[in-house]
């Protein structure tokens, strides 16, 4: 949790997680201007480069924190549901999550060529399209979230407990998706 709080500090400042209308175009334009703007030197040090290095670290930490949360939930499931079919499903989702995180971290690191072009736009280089990268990461991420959310449902519904308890347990597990 502390990891996500630290990484979200920069994003929340400019409206991370809010609709563009709520954030206001001045904040979005400010973020885009800093992201794509020319290098400004203050005392021989680039403010934009410093900000971009922070954004680069933020993106890496975000995916690593996301991995920690997802893996901890899957570890909780593994301990709670020790049957062989459940473990196969849990390990399958875990493999998917690990592959997704490795791909996400690789995408963040190598989104620009050379890597330093991400924060130093004065040199020669190029970056992949941000929209394509966001969509490419978001779709498998949503799939893994959904898989983690529904993973315990078949197990819960096969328990020999009253239906009211099954509904209550399902509700408790689904609260994790909020």
N, C-alpha and C. Protein backbone atom coordinates (compact mmCIF):
# COMPACT_ATOMS: atom_id res chain seq x y z
N UNK A 1 0.83 -1.19 0.00
CA UNK A 1 0.00 0.00 0.00
C UNK A 1 0.88 1.26 0.00
N UNK A 2 1.93 1.22 0.80
CA UNK A 2 2.82 2.38 0.85
C UNK A 2 3.44 2.65 -0.52
N UNK A 3 3.71 1.59 -1.24
CA UNK A 3 4.30 1.71 -2.57
C UNK A 3 3.35 2.47 -3.51
N UNK A 4 2.07 2.14 -3.48
CA UNK A 4 1.11 2.82 -4.35
C UNK A 4 0.92 4.27 -3.93
N UNK A 5 0.95 4.54 -2.63
CA UNK A 5 0.82 5.92 -2.16
C UNK A 5 1.99 6.75 -2.67
N UNK A 6 3.19 6.21 -2.59
CA UNK A 6 4.36 6.94 -3.06
C UNK A 6 4.31 7.20 -4.55
N UNK A 7 3.87 6.22 -5.32
CA UNK A 7 3.88 6.38 -6.78
C UNK A 7 2.73 7.24 -7.27
N UNK A 8 1.62 7.28 -6.54
CA UNK A 8 0.47 8.06 -6.98
C UNK A 8 0.59 9.55 -6.66
N UNK A 9 1.55 9.94 -5.84
CA UNK A 9 1.70 11.34 -5.46
C UNK A 9 1.82 12.25 -6.67
N UNK A 10 2.68 11.91 -7.60
CA UNK A 10 2.89 12.73 -8.80
C UNK A 10 1.64 12.75 -9.67
N UNK A 11 1.02 11.59 -9.86
CA UNK A 11 -0.15 11.52 -10.73
C UNK A 11 -1.36 12.25 -10.19
N UNK A 12 -1.59 12.17 -8.89
CA UNK A 12 -2.76 12.80 -8.28
C UNK A 12 -2.67 14.32 -8.41
N UNK A 13 -1.47 14.83 -8.38
CA UNK A 13 -1.26 16.28 -8.50
C UNK A 13 -1.91 16.82 -9.77
N UNK A 14 -1.88 16.03 -10.84
CA UNK A 14 -2.45 16.47 -12.10
C UNK A 14 -3.71 15.71 -12.50
N UNK A 15 -4.33 15.02 -11.54
CA UNK A 15 -5.64 14.45 -11.80
C UNK A 15 -5.68 12.99 -12.17
N UNK A 16 -4.70 12.19 -11.75
CA UNK A 16 -4.69 10.77 -12.06
C UNK A 16 -5.96 10.10 -11.56
N UNK A 17 -6.62 9.35 -12.42
CA UNK A 17 -7.80 8.60 -12.02
C UNK A 17 -9.10 9.38 -12.13
N UNK A 18 -9.04 10.58 -12.58
CA UNK A 18 -10.25 11.40 -12.72
C UNK A 18 -10.52 11.65 -14.19
N UNK A 19 -11.78 11.93 -14.49
CA UNK A 19 -12.17 12.23 -15.87
C UNK A 19 -11.56 13.56 -16.28
N UNK A 20 -11.24 13.69 -17.55
CA UNK A 20 -10.59 14.89 -18.08
C UNK A 20 -11.42 16.15 -17.81
N UNK A 21 -12.74 16.04 -17.84
CA UNK A 21 -13.59 17.20 -17.60
C UNK A 21 -13.45 17.68 -16.16
N UNK A 22 -13.32 16.74 -15.24
CA UNK A 22 -13.18 17.09 -13.82
C UNK A 22 -11.81 17.69 -13.55
N UNK A 23 -10.79 17.13 -14.16
CA UNK A 23 -9.41 17.59 -13.94
C UNK A 23 -9.22 19.00 -14.47
N UNK A 24 -9.79 19.27 -15.62
CA UNK A 24 -9.60 20.56 -16.25
C UNK A 24 -8.48 20.50 -17.26
N UNK A 25 -8.70 21.13 -18.40
CA UNK A 25 -7.73 21.05 -19.48
C UNK A 25 -6.42 21.73 -19.15
N UNK A 26 -6.45 22.72 -18.23
CA UNK A 26 -5.20 23.40 -17.89
C UNK A 26 -4.22 22.44 -17.23
N UNK A 27 -4.70 21.51 -16.39
CA UNK A 27 -3.81 20.53 -15.76
C UNK A 27 -3.32 19.51 -16.77
N UNK A 28 -4.22 19.07 -17.66
CA UNK A 28 -3.82 18.11 -18.68
C UNK A 28 -2.80 18.74 -19.62
N UNK A 29 -3.06 19.97 -20.03
CA UNK A 29 -2.12 20.65 -20.91
C UNK A 29 -0.78 20.87 -20.22
N UNK A 30 -0.82 21.18 -18.92
CA UNK A 30 0.43 21.35 -18.18
C UNK A 30 1.23 20.05 -18.18
N UNK A 31 0.56 18.94 -17.92
CA UNK A 31 1.26 17.66 -17.89
C UNK A 31 1.84 17.33 -19.27
N UNK A 32 1.05 17.52 -20.31
CA UNK A 32 1.53 17.22 -21.65
C UNK A 32 2.66 18.16 -22.06
N UNK A 33 2.57 19.42 -21.65
CA UNK A 33 3.62 20.38 -21.98
C UNK A 33 4.92 19.97 -21.29
N UNK A 34 4.84 19.56 -20.03
CA UNK A 34 6.04 19.12 -19.33
C UNK A 34 6.58 17.86 -19.97
N UNK A 35 5.67 16.96 -20.38
CA UNK A 35 6.09 15.68 -20.94
C UNK A 35 6.76 15.85 -22.30
N UNK A 36 6.25 16.76 -23.11
CA UNK A 36 6.76 16.90 -24.47
C UNK A 36 7.58 18.18 -24.67
N UNK A 37 7.60 19.04 -23.65
CA UNK A 37 8.19 20.36 -23.82
C UNK A 37 9.69 20.37 -23.96
N UNK A 38 10.20 21.53 -24.34
CA UNK A 38 11.65 21.65 -24.49
C UNK A 38 12.33 21.63 -23.13
N UNK A 39 13.60 21.36 -23.16
CA UNK A 39 14.38 21.31 -21.92
C UNK A 39 14.65 22.73 -21.44
N UNK A 40 14.27 23.03 -20.19
CA UNK A 40 14.53 24.33 -19.59
C UNK A 40 15.67 24.16 -18.59
N UNK A 41 16.67 25.01 -18.69
CA UNK A 41 17.80 24.91 -17.78
C UNK A 41 17.66 25.97 -16.69
N UNK A 42 17.77 25.54 -15.46
CA UNK A 42 17.81 26.45 -14.33
C UNK A 42 19.08 26.11 -13.57
N UNK A 43 20.02 27.01 -13.59
CA UNK A 43 21.30 26.74 -12.95
C UNK A 43 22.01 25.56 -13.58
N UNK A 44 21.87 25.38 -14.91
CA UNK A 44 22.51 24.29 -15.61
C UNK A 44 21.83 22.94 -15.44
N UNK A 45 20.63 22.93 -14.81
CA UNK A 45 19.93 21.66 -14.57
C UNK A 45 18.56 21.71 -15.22
N UNK A 46 18.18 20.66 -15.90
CA UNK A 46 16.93 20.62 -16.63
C UNK A 46 15.77 20.24 -15.72
N UNK A 47 14.81 21.14 -15.59
CA UNK A 47 13.61 20.87 -14.78
C UNK A 47 12.78 19.78 -15.45
N UNK A 48 12.63 19.87 -16.76
CA UNK A 48 11.83 18.89 -17.49
C UNK A 48 12.48 17.51 -17.41
N UNK A 49 13.78 17.44 -17.57
CA UNK A 49 14.47 16.15 -17.49
C UNK A 49 14.30 15.54 -16.11
N UNK A 50 14.39 16.35 -15.08
CA UNK A 50 14.19 15.85 -13.71
C UNK A 50 12.77 15.32 -13.54
N UNK A 51 11.80 16.07 -14.03
CA UNK A 51 10.40 15.63 -13.95
C UNK A 51 10.20 14.33 -14.73
N UNK A 52 10.78 14.24 -15.91
CA UNK A 52 10.62 13.05 -16.74
C UNK A 52 11.30 11.84 -16.11
N UNK A 53 12.41 12.03 -15.44
CA UNK A 53 13.05 10.93 -14.74
C UNK A 53 12.14 10.44 -13.61
N UNK A 54 11.47 11.37 -12.94
CA UNK A 54 10.53 11.00 -11.88
C UNK A 54 9.35 10.24 -12.47
N UNK A 55 8.86 10.67 -13.63
CA UNK A 55 7.76 9.97 -14.29
C UNK A 55 8.19 8.56 -14.69
N UNK A 56 9.39 8.44 -15.20
CA UNK A 56 9.94 7.14 -15.59
C UNK A 56 9.98 6.20 -14.39
N UNK A 57 10.50 6.69 -13.27
CA UNK A 57 10.56 5.88 -12.04
C UNK A 57 9.15 5.57 -11.54
N UNK A 58 8.24 6.53 -11.64
CA UNK A 58 6.86 6.33 -11.24
C UNK A 58 6.22 5.19 -12.05
N UNK A 59 6.43 5.20 -13.35
CA UNK A 59 5.84 4.15 -14.18
C UNK A 59 6.38 2.78 -13.81
N UNK A 60 7.68 2.69 -13.57
CA UNK A 60 8.27 1.40 -13.15
C UNK A 60 7.71 0.95 -11.80
N UNK A 61 7.70 1.86 -10.83
CA UNK A 61 7.20 1.51 -9.50
C UNK A 61 5.72 1.13 -9.53
N UNK A 62 4.95 1.80 -10.38
CA UNK A 62 3.53 1.49 -10.48
C UNK A 62 3.31 0.02 -10.85
N UNK A 63 4.02 -0.44 -11.87
CA UNK A 63 3.83 -1.82 -12.30
C UNK A 63 4.38 -2.83 -11.30
N UNK A 64 5.47 -2.47 -10.65
CA UNK A 64 6.01 -3.37 -9.63
C UNK A 64 5.08 -3.45 -8.42
N UNK A 65 4.49 -2.34 -8.03
CA UNK A 65 3.53 -2.34 -6.92
C UNK A 65 2.28 -3.11 -7.30
N UNK A 66 1.82 -2.92 -8.52
CA UNK A 66 0.66 -3.66 -9.00
C UNK A 66 0.92 -5.15 -8.96
N UNK A 67 2.11 -5.55 -9.34
CA UNK A 67 2.48 -6.96 -9.30
C UNK A 67 2.46 -7.48 -7.87
N UNK A 68 2.98 -6.69 -6.94
CA UNK A 68 3.01 -7.12 -5.54
C UNK A 68 1.60 -7.34 -5.00
N UNK A 69 0.69 -6.47 -5.35
CA UNK A 69 -0.70 -6.61 -4.88
C UNK A 69 -1.35 -7.85 -5.49
N UNK A 70 -1.20 -8.03 -6.79
CA UNK A 70 -1.83 -9.17 -7.46
C UNK A 70 -1.24 -10.49 -6.99
N UNK A 71 0.06 -10.53 -6.84
CA UNK A 71 0.71 -11.77 -6.39
C UNK A 71 0.31 -12.09 -4.95
N UNK A 72 0.17 -11.07 -4.12
CA UNK A 72 -0.23 -11.34 -2.73
C UNK A 72 -1.66 -11.86 -2.66
N UNK A 73 -2.55 -11.37 -3.51
CA UNK A 73 -3.92 -11.88 -3.55
C UNK A 73 -3.92 -13.34 -4.02
N UNK A 74 -3.13 -13.63 -5.04
CA UNK A 74 -3.06 -15.01 -5.53
C UNK A 74 -2.43 -15.94 -4.50
N UNK A 75 -1.47 -15.45 -3.74
CA UNK A 75 -0.88 -16.26 -2.66
C UNK A 75 -1.92 -16.52 -1.57
N UNK A 76 -2.73 -15.53 -1.28
CA UNK A 76 -3.83 -15.71 -0.33
C UNK A 76 -4.79 -16.80 -0.82
N UNK A 77 -5.15 -16.74 -2.09
CA UNK A 77 -6.01 -17.77 -2.68
C UNK A 77 -5.36 -19.15 -2.59
N UNK A 78 -4.07 -19.22 -2.87
CA UNK A 78 -3.37 -20.50 -2.84
C UNK A 78 -3.42 -21.13 -1.45
N UNK A 79 -3.27 -20.31 -0.45
CA UNK A 79 -3.32 -20.83 0.92
C UNK A 79 -4.75 -21.17 1.34
N UNK A 80 -5.71 -20.44 0.82
CA UNK A 80 -7.10 -20.66 1.21
C UNK A 80 -7.72 -21.85 0.48
N UNK A 81 -7.33 -22.09 -0.75
CA UNK A 81 -7.91 -23.14 -1.57
C UNK A 81 -6.82 -24.13 -1.98
N UNK A 82 -6.52 -25.13 -1.15
CA UNK A 82 -5.37 -26.01 -1.41
C UNK A 82 -5.64 -27.18 -2.37
N UNK A 83 -6.84 -27.26 -2.96
CA UNK A 83 -7.13 -28.39 -3.84
C UNK A 83 -6.34 -28.26 -5.15
N UNK A 84 -6.11 -29.40 -5.79
CA UNK A 84 -5.31 -29.43 -7.02
C UNK A 84 -5.92 -28.59 -8.14
N UNK A 85 -7.24 -28.71 -8.44
CA UNK A 85 -7.79 -27.88 -9.53
C UNK A 85 -7.68 -26.38 -9.25
N UNK A 86 -7.87 -26.02 -7.97
CA UNK A 86 -7.76 -24.61 -7.62
C UNK A 86 -6.33 -24.13 -7.80
N UNK A 87 -5.38 -24.95 -7.40
CA UNK A 87 -3.97 -24.55 -7.54
C UNK A 87 -3.56 -24.41 -9.00
N UNK A 88 -4.06 -25.28 -9.85
CA UNK A 88 -3.76 -25.18 -11.28
C UNK A 88 -4.27 -23.84 -11.81
N UNK A 89 -5.50 -23.50 -11.44
CA UNK A 89 -6.07 -22.22 -11.89
C UNK A 89 -5.28 -21.04 -11.32
N UNK A 90 -4.94 -21.12 -10.05
CA UNK A 90 -4.19 -20.04 -9.40
C UNK A 90 -2.82 -19.87 -10.03
N UNK A 91 -2.12 -20.98 -10.26
CA UNK A 91 -0.79 -20.89 -10.88
C UNK A 91 -0.87 -20.41 -12.32
N UNK A 92 -1.95 -20.74 -13.01
CA UNK A 92 -2.11 -20.25 -14.38
C UNK A 92 -2.28 -18.73 -14.39
N UNK A 93 -3.13 -18.23 -13.51
CA UNK A 93 -3.33 -16.78 -13.42
C UNK A 93 -2.04 -16.11 -12.96
N UNK A 94 -1.33 -16.73 -12.02
CA UNK A 94 -0.06 -16.19 -11.53
C UNK A 94 0.96 -16.09 -12.66
N UNK A 95 1.04 -17.10 -13.49
CA UNK A 95 1.96 -17.07 -14.64
C UNK A 95 1.59 -15.94 -15.59
N UNK A 96 0.29 -15.76 -15.82
CA UNK A 96 -0.19 -14.67 -16.69
C UNK A 96 0.19 -13.32 -16.09
N UNK A 97 -0.01 -13.16 -14.78
CA UNK A 97 0.30 -11.89 -14.11
C UNK A 97 1.80 -11.61 -14.18
N UNK A 98 2.62 -12.61 -13.93
CA UNK A 98 4.07 -12.41 -13.98
C UNK A 98 4.51 -12.05 -15.40
N UNK A 99 3.97 -12.73 -16.40
CA UNK A 99 4.29 -12.40 -17.79
C UNK A 99 3.84 -10.97 -18.12
N UNK A 100 2.67 -10.58 -17.64
CA UNK A 100 2.16 -9.23 -17.88
C UNK A 100 3.06 -8.18 -17.23
N UNK A 101 3.50 -8.44 -16.02
CA UNK A 101 4.35 -7.47 -15.33
C UNK A 101 5.71 -7.36 -16.01
N UNK A 102 6.28 -8.50 -16.40
CA UNK A 102 7.57 -8.47 -17.10
C UNK A 102 7.42 -7.67 -18.41
N UNK A 103 6.35 -7.92 -19.14
CA UNK A 103 6.12 -7.18 -20.39
C UNK A 103 5.90 -5.70 -20.12
N UNK A 104 5.15 -5.38 -19.07
CA UNK A 104 4.88 -3.97 -18.74
C UNK A 104 6.16 -3.23 -18.35
N UNK A 105 6.98 -3.86 -17.52
CA UNK A 105 8.24 -3.23 -17.12
C UNK A 105 9.16 -3.08 -18.33
N UNK A 106 9.21 -4.08 -19.18
CA UNK A 106 10.03 -3.99 -20.39
C UNK A 106 9.52 -2.86 -21.29
N UNK A 107 8.21 -2.73 -21.40
CA UNK A 107 7.64 -1.67 -22.22
C UNK A 107 8.00 -0.30 -21.66
N UNK A 108 7.92 -0.15 -20.36
CA UNK A 108 8.28 1.13 -19.74
C UNK A 108 9.76 1.44 -19.98
N UNK A 109 10.61 0.46 -19.76
CA UNK A 109 12.05 0.70 -19.90
C UNK A 109 12.42 1.00 -21.34
N UNK A 110 11.86 0.24 -22.28
CA UNK A 110 12.28 0.36 -23.68
C UNK A 110 11.28 1.11 -24.55
N UNK A 111 10.43 1.96 -23.94
CA UNK A 111 9.47 2.71 -24.75
C UNK A 111 10.14 3.77 -25.62
N UNK A 112 11.34 4.17 -25.23
CA UNK A 112 12.11 5.10 -26.04
C UNK A 112 13.45 4.48 -26.38
N UNK A 113 13.94 4.83 -27.55
CA UNK A 113 15.23 4.34 -27.97
C UNK A 113 16.08 5.54 -28.37
N UNK A 114 17.15 5.82 -27.68
CA UNK A 114 17.68 5.18 -26.49
C UNK A 114 16.79 5.47 -25.27
N UNK A 115 16.98 4.72 -24.21
CA UNK A 115 16.15 4.86 -23.01
C UNK A 115 16.18 6.29 -22.48
N UNK A 116 17.34 6.93 -22.51
CA UNK A 116 17.48 8.29 -21.98
C UNK A 116 16.68 9.32 -22.77
N UNK A 117 16.22 8.97 -23.96
CA UNK A 117 15.42 9.90 -24.75
C UNK A 117 14.10 10.21 -24.05
N UNK A 118 13.65 9.34 -23.16
CA UNK A 118 12.42 9.58 -22.41
C UNK A 118 12.52 10.89 -21.63
N UNK A 119 13.66 11.19 -21.03
CA UNK A 119 13.79 12.41 -20.25
C UNK A 119 14.70 13.45 -20.89
N UNK A 120 15.35 13.10 -21.99
CA UNK A 120 16.25 14.05 -22.64
C UNK A 120 15.90 14.12 -24.12
N UNK A 121 14.96 14.98 -24.45
CA UNK A 121 14.48 15.08 -25.84
C UNK A 121 15.41 15.91 -26.71
N UNK A 122 16.53 16.37 -26.18
CA UNK A 122 17.47 17.14 -27.00
C UNK A 122 18.36 16.22 -27.83
N UNK A 123 18.45 14.95 -27.46
CA UNK A 123 19.27 14.00 -28.21
C UNK A 123 18.43 13.35 -29.31
N UNK A 124 19.08 12.55 -30.14
CA UNK A 124 18.37 11.83 -31.20
C UNK A 124 17.71 10.59 -30.62
N UNK A 125 16.49 10.32 -31.04
CA UNK A 125 15.81 9.12 -30.60
C UNK A 125 14.34 9.16 -30.99
N UNK A 126 13.63 8.15 -30.55
CA UNK A 126 12.19 8.10 -30.82
C UNK A 126 11.52 7.26 -29.72
N UNK A 127 10.20 7.47 -29.56
CA UNK A 127 9.42 6.72 -28.58
C UNK A 127 8.20 6.11 -29.27
N UNK A 128 7.69 5.05 -28.68
CA UNK A 128 6.46 4.45 -29.21
C UNK A 128 5.28 5.35 -28.85
N UNK A 129 4.17 5.14 -29.51
CA UNK A 129 2.98 5.93 -29.23
C UNK A 129 2.42 5.62 -27.84
N UNK A 130 2.14 6.66 -27.07
CA UNK A 130 1.65 6.49 -25.70
C UNK A 130 0.28 5.81 -25.67
N UNK A 131 -0.61 6.17 -26.58
CA UNK A 131 -1.96 5.59 -26.59
C UNK A 131 -1.88 4.09 -26.85
N UNK A 132 -1.08 3.70 -27.83
CA UNK A 132 -0.93 2.27 -28.14
C UNK A 132 -0.35 1.51 -26.94
N UNK A 133 0.63 2.12 -26.27
CA UNK A 133 1.24 1.47 -25.11
C UNK A 133 0.22 1.31 -23.98
N UNK A 134 -0.56 2.35 -23.74
CA UNK A 134 -1.56 2.31 -22.66
C UNK A 134 -2.61 1.24 -22.95
N UNK A 135 -3.09 1.19 -24.17
CA UNK A 135 -4.08 0.17 -24.54
C UNK A 135 -3.46 -1.21 -24.47
N UNK A 136 -2.23 -1.34 -24.96
CA UNK A 136 -1.55 -2.63 -24.95
C UNK A 136 -1.33 -3.18 -23.55
N UNK A 137 -1.15 -2.31 -22.57
CA UNK A 137 -0.97 -2.75 -21.19
C UNK A 137 -2.31 -2.91 -20.48
N UNK A 138 -3.25 -2.02 -20.78
CA UNK A 138 -4.52 -2.00 -20.05
C UNK A 138 -5.39 -3.23 -20.31
N UNK A 139 -5.46 -3.69 -21.53
CA UNK A 139 -6.34 -4.81 -21.85
C UNK A 139 -5.93 -6.08 -21.11
N UNK A 140 -4.67 -6.52 -21.17
CA UNK A 140 -4.31 -7.70 -20.39
C UNK A 140 -4.39 -7.47 -18.88
N UNK A 141 -4.18 -6.23 -18.45
CA UNK A 141 -4.29 -5.90 -17.04
C UNK A 141 -5.73 -6.06 -16.56
N UNK A 142 -6.68 -5.62 -17.35
CA UNK A 142 -8.10 -5.78 -17.02
C UNK A 142 -8.46 -7.26 -17.00
N UNK A 143 -7.94 -8.01 -17.96
CA UNK A 143 -8.20 -9.46 -18.00
C UNK A 143 -7.66 -10.13 -16.74
N UNK A 144 -6.46 -9.76 -16.32
CA UNK A 144 -5.90 -10.37 -15.10
C UNK A 144 -6.69 -9.96 -13.86
N UNK A 145 -7.15 -8.72 -13.81
CA UNK A 145 -7.99 -8.28 -12.69
C UNK A 145 -9.28 -9.09 -12.63
N UNK A 146 -9.90 -9.27 -13.78
CA UNK A 146 -11.14 -10.04 -13.83
C UNK A 146 -10.90 -11.49 -13.43
N UNK A 147 -9.81 -12.08 -13.91
CA UNK A 147 -9.49 -13.47 -13.57
C UNK A 147 -9.27 -13.62 -12.07
N UNK A 148 -8.56 -12.67 -11.47
CA UNK A 148 -8.32 -12.72 -10.03
C UNK A 148 -9.63 -12.56 -9.27
N UNK A 149 -10.51 -11.74 -9.79
CA UNK A 149 -11.80 -11.49 -9.13
C UNK A 149 -12.70 -12.72 -9.16
N UNK A 150 -12.75 -13.41 -10.29
CA UNK A 150 -13.68 -14.56 -10.41
C UNK A 150 -13.04 -15.90 -10.03
N UNK A 151 -11.75 -15.92 -9.81
CA UNK A 151 -11.06 -17.16 -9.49
C UNK A 151 -11.67 -17.94 -8.32
N UNK A 152 -12.03 -17.31 -7.22
CA UNK A 152 -12.57 -18.08 -6.09
C UNK A 152 -14.05 -18.45 -6.22
N UNK A 153 -14.75 -17.89 -7.19
CA UNK A 153 -16.20 -18.10 -7.28
C UNK A 153 -16.61 -19.57 -7.46
N UNK A 154 -16.03 -20.33 -8.37
CA UNK A 154 -16.43 -21.73 -8.50
C UNK A 154 -16.16 -22.54 -7.23
N UNK A 155 -15.08 -22.20 -6.56
CA UNK A 155 -14.74 -22.92 -5.33
C UNK A 155 -15.78 -22.61 -4.25
N UNK A 156 -16.13 -21.34 -4.13
CA UNK A 156 -17.12 -20.94 -3.13
C UNK A 156 -18.46 -21.62 -3.40
N UNK A 157 -18.87 -21.68 -4.65
CA UNK A 157 -20.18 -22.23 -4.98
C UNK A 157 -20.22 -23.76 -4.90
N UNK A 158 -19.08 -24.40 -4.75
CA UNK A 158 -19.06 -25.85 -4.55
C UNK A 158 -18.90 -26.24 -3.07
N UNK A 159 -18.82 -25.25 -2.20
CA UNK A 159 -18.74 -25.54 -0.77
C UNK A 159 -20.08 -26.08 -0.27
N UNK A 160 -20.02 -26.93 0.73
CA UNK A 160 -21.24 -27.48 1.32
C UNK A 160 -21.70 -26.61 2.48
N UNK A 161 -22.15 -25.43 2.13
CA UNK A 161 -22.69 -24.48 3.11
C UNK A 161 -24.01 -23.95 2.56
N UNK A 162 -24.84 -23.35 3.42
CA UNK A 162 -26.11 -22.81 2.92
C UNK A 162 -25.90 -21.75 1.82
N UNK A 163 -26.89 -21.67 0.94
CA UNK A 163 -26.80 -20.75 -0.19
C UNK A 163 -26.63 -19.30 0.27
N UNK A 164 -27.23 -18.95 1.36
CA UNK A 164 -27.10 -17.59 1.90
C UNK A 164 -25.62 -17.29 2.22
N UNK A 165 -24.93 -18.27 2.77
CA UNK A 165 -23.51 -18.08 3.09
C UNK A 165 -22.67 -17.99 1.81
N UNK A 166 -23.06 -18.76 0.80
CA UNK A 166 -22.34 -18.68 -0.48
C UNK A 166 -22.48 -17.30 -1.09
N UNK A 167 -23.70 -16.75 -1.04
CA UNK A 167 -23.95 -15.41 -1.58
C UNK A 167 -23.14 -14.38 -0.79
N UNK A 168 -23.12 -14.53 0.54
CA UNK A 168 -22.37 -13.60 1.38
C UNK A 168 -20.87 -13.68 1.08
N UNK A 169 -20.33 -14.89 0.96
CA UNK A 169 -18.91 -15.04 0.64
C UNK A 169 -18.58 -14.47 -0.74
N UNK A 170 -19.47 -14.71 -1.68
CA UNK A 170 -19.28 -14.15 -3.03
C UNK A 170 -19.23 -12.64 -2.95
N UNK A 171 -20.13 -12.05 -2.17
CA UNK A 171 -20.14 -10.59 -2.00
C UNK A 171 -18.84 -10.08 -1.39
N UNK A 172 -18.34 -10.79 -0.38
CA UNK A 172 -17.09 -10.38 0.25
C UNK A 172 -15.95 -10.41 -0.75
N UNK A 173 -15.84 -11.46 -1.53
CA UNK A 173 -14.76 -11.55 -2.53
C UNK A 173 -14.94 -10.51 -3.63
N UNK A 174 -16.17 -10.24 -4.03
CA UNK A 174 -16.41 -9.25 -5.08
C UNK A 174 -16.14 -7.83 -4.61
N UNK A 175 -16.19 -7.60 -3.29
CA UNK A 175 -15.85 -6.29 -2.77
C UNK A 175 -14.41 -5.90 -3.11
N UNK A 176 -13.57 -6.91 -3.30
CA UNK A 176 -12.20 -6.65 -3.70
C UNK A 176 -12.09 -6.00 -5.07
N UNK A 177 -13.13 -6.07 -5.87
CA UNK A 177 -13.12 -5.46 -7.21
C UNK A 177 -13.53 -4.00 -7.21
N UNK A 178 -13.91 -3.48 -6.07
CA UNK A 178 -14.32 -2.07 -6.03
C UNK A 178 -13.20 -1.13 -6.08
